[in-house]
C-alpha atoms as a PDB file:
ATOM      1  CA  MET A   1     115.414-167.430  29.150  1.00  0.00           C
ATOM      2  CA  ASN A   2     114.876-170.902  29.842  1.00  0.00           C
ATOM      3  CA  ALA A   3     115.745-172.566  26.390  1.00  0.00           C
ATOM      4  CA  GLN A   4     113.253-175.544  27.067  1.00  0.00           C
ATOM      5  CA  ILE A   5     110.251-173.862  27.396  1.00  0.00           C
ATOM      6  CA  GLN A   6     107.238-176.005  28.918  1.00  0.00           C
ATOM      7  CA  ILE A   7     104.501-176.741  26.145  1.00  0.00           C
ATOM      8  CA  LYS A   8     101.896-177.544  28.877  1.00  0.00           C
ATOM      9  CA  HIS A   9     102.690-173.817  30.402  1.00  0.00           C
ATOM     10  CA  VAL A  10     102.821-171.586  27.563  1.00  0.00           C
ATOM     11  CA  LEU A  11      99.760-173.050  25.960  1.00  0.00           C
ATOM     12  CA  PRO A  12      97.245-172.486  28.485  1.00  0.00           C
ATOM     13  CA  ALA A  13      99.443-169.008  29.267  1.00  0.00           C
ATOM     14  CA  TRP A  14      98.917-168.435  25.541  1.00  0.00           C
ATOM     15  CA  LYS A  15      95.009-169.002  25.548  1.00  0.00           C
ATOM     16  CA  THR A  16      94.404-166.595  27.851  1.00  0.00           C
ATOM     17  CA  PHE A  17      96.579-163.894  26.854  1.00  0.00           C
ATOM     18  CA  ARG A  18      95.136-164.008  23.713  1.00  0.00           C
ATOM     19  CA  SER A  19      91.699-163.871  24.675  1.00  0.00           C
ATOM     20  CA  VAL A  20      92.531-160.820  26.604  1.00  0.00           C
ATOM     21  CA  THR A  21      94.187-159.191  23.949  1.00  0.00           C
ATOM     22  CA  ASP A  22      93.189-160.699  20.820  1.00  0.00           C
ATOM     23  CA  ILE A  23      96.918-160.461  19.538  1.00  0.00           C
ATOM     24  CA  ALA A  24      97.122-162.543  16.586  1.00  0.00           C
ATOM     25  CA  PRO A  25      97.978-162.645  13.064  1.00  0.00           C
ATOM     26  CA  ILE A  26      95.690-159.948  11.888  1.00  0.00           C
ATOM     27  CA  ARG A  27      92.282-161.696   9.957  1.00  0.00           C
ATOM     28  CA  ASP A  28      90.462-158.943   8.752  1.00  0.00           C
ATOM     29  CA  GLU A  29      89.496-155.385   8.455  1.00  0.00           C
ATOM     30  CA  ALA A  30      87.568-154.926  12.036  1.00  0.00           C
ATOM     31  CA  HIS A  31      91.183-156.880  13.521  1.00  0.00           C
ATOM     32  CA  TYR A  32      93.309-154.073  12.283  1.00  0.00           C
ATOM     33  CA  GLN A  33      91.568-151.464  13.461  1.00  0.00           C
ATOM     34  CA  SER A  34      91.627-152.808  16.553  1.00  0.00           C
ATOM     35  CA  MET A  35      95.178-153.725  16.640  1.00  0.00           C
ATOM     36  CA  VAL A  36      96.028-149.952  15.543  1.00  0.00           C
ATOM     37  CA  ALA A  37      94.426-148.873  18.306  1.00  0.00           C
ATOM     38  CA  MET A  38      96.087-151.509  20.452  1.00  0.00           C
ATOM     39  CA  LEU A  39      99.314-149.846  19.104  1.00  0.00           C
ATOM     40  CA  GLU A  40      98.365-146.112  20.153  1.00  0.00           C
ATOM     41  CA  SER A  41      97.330-147.201  23.605  1.00  0.00           C
ATOM     42  CA  LEU A  42     100.760-149.207  24.101  1.00  0.00           C
ATOM     43  CA  LEU A  43     102.641-145.788  22.660  1.00  0.00           C
ATOM     44  CA  ALA A  44     100.544-143.818  24.867  1.00  0.00           C
ATOM     45  CA  GLU A  45     101.849-145.901  27.594  1.00  0.00           C
ATOM     46  CA  ALA A  46     105.252-146.023  26.910  1.00  0.00           C
ATOM     47  CA  ASN A  47     105.425-142.574  26.807  1.00  0.00           C
ATOM     48  CA  GLY A  48     108.238-142.598  24.446  1.00  0.00           C
ATOM     49  CA  ASN A  49     110.473-144.460  26.891  1.00  0.00           C
ATOM     50  CA  GLU A  50     112.063-147.219  24.513  1.00  0.00           C
ATOM     51  CA  SER A  51     112.751-149.626  28.218  1.00  0.00           C
ATOM     52  CA  HIS A  52     109.219-149.624  29.042  1.00  0.00           C
ATOM     53  CA  PRO A  53     107.784-152.941  29.192  1.00  0.00           C
ATOM     54  CA  ALA A  54     104.889-151.854  26.697  1.00  0.00           C
ATOM     55  CA  MET A  55     107.485-151.374  23.917  1.00  0.00           C
ATOM     56  CA  ASP A  56     107.755-155.279  23.700  1.00  0.00           C
ATOM     57  CA  LEU A  57     104.118-155.527  22.516  1.00  0.00           C
ATOM     58  CA  VAL A  58     104.953-152.168  20.484  1.00  0.00           C
ATOM     59  CA  ASP A  59     107.179-154.946  18.579  1.00  0.00           C
ATOM     60  CA  ILE A  60     104.694-157.219  18.493  1.00  0.00           C
ATOM     61  CA  VAL A  61     101.605-155.998  17.403  1.00  0.00           C
ATOM     62  CA  GLY A  62     103.632-153.461  15.081  1.00  0.00           C
ATOM     63  CA  ASP A  63     104.800-156.241  13.256  1.00  0.00           C
ATOM     64  CA  LEU A  64     101.220-157.481  12.610  1.00  0.00           C
ATOM     65  CA  ILE A  65     100.008-154.472  11.465  1.00  0.00           C
ATOM     66  CA  GLU A  66     102.894-153.905   8.787  1.00  0.00           C
ATOM     67  CA  ASP A  67     102.041-157.659   7.523  1.00  0.00           C
ATOM     68  CA  PHE A  68      98.588-156.893   7.446  1.00  0.00           C
ATOM     69  CA  GLU A  69      99.297-153.755   5.360  1.00  0.00           C
ATOM     70  CA  THR A  70     101.632-155.602   3.312  1.00  0.00           C
ATOM     71  CA  GLU A  71      99.543-158.123   2.194  1.00  0.00           C
ATOM     72  CA  HIS A  72      96.129-156.243   2.305  1.00  0.00           C
ATOM     73  CA  ARG A  73      96.785-152.079   1.664  1.00  0.00           C
ATOM     74  CA  SER A  74      98.190-150.563  -1.612  1.00  0.00           C
ATOM     75  CA  GLU A  75     101.142-149.648  -1.959  1.00  0.00           C
ATOM     76  CA  GLU A  76     100.197-145.897  -3.001  1.00  0.00           C
ATOM     77  CA  HIS A  77      98.960-145.134   0.811  1.00  0.00           C
ATOM     78  CA  THR A  78     101.753-144.311   3.625  1.00  0.00           C
ATOM     79  CA  SER A  79     101.402-146.846   6.226  1.00  0.00           C
ATOM     80  CA  GLU A  80      99.614-145.709   9.485  1.00  0.00           C
ATOM     81  CA  LEU A  81     102.135-147.726  11.156  1.00  0.00           C
ATOM     82  CA  GLN A  82     105.083-146.320   9.295  1.00  0.00           C
ATOM     83  CA  SER A  83     103.369-143.066   9.895  1.00  0.00           C
ATOM     84  CA  ARG A  84     103.192-143.449  13.674  1.00  0.00           C
ATOM     85  CA  GLN A  85     106.839-145.082  13.880  1.00  0.00           C
ATOM     86  CA  TYR A  86     108.270-141.823  12.472  1.00  0.00           C
ATOM     87  CA  LEU A  87     106.211-139.549  14.806  1.00  0.00           C
ATOM     88  CA  VAL A  88     107.273-141.785  17.621  1.00  0.00           C
ATOM     89  CA  CYS A  89     111.479-141.678  16.840  1.00  0.00           C
END
């Protein structure tokens, strides 16, 4: 990857990507549910293939979900993300 990222090219691509996927730090419960559904779709697309291109997005979306759960969910409840990751592994 080019070490010098040209922001003028990245920002328009990011704007388009974000508008299509809504991948961003999770703001509220509705966004959380949307990201969980996206994670499930990505996992289904990858179908257990760790080298599938969707797995990069699984990592990103999974991290966003985990961050939201850590900040907003009770520790008493098993993380939906952790459960899904356990089933995938």
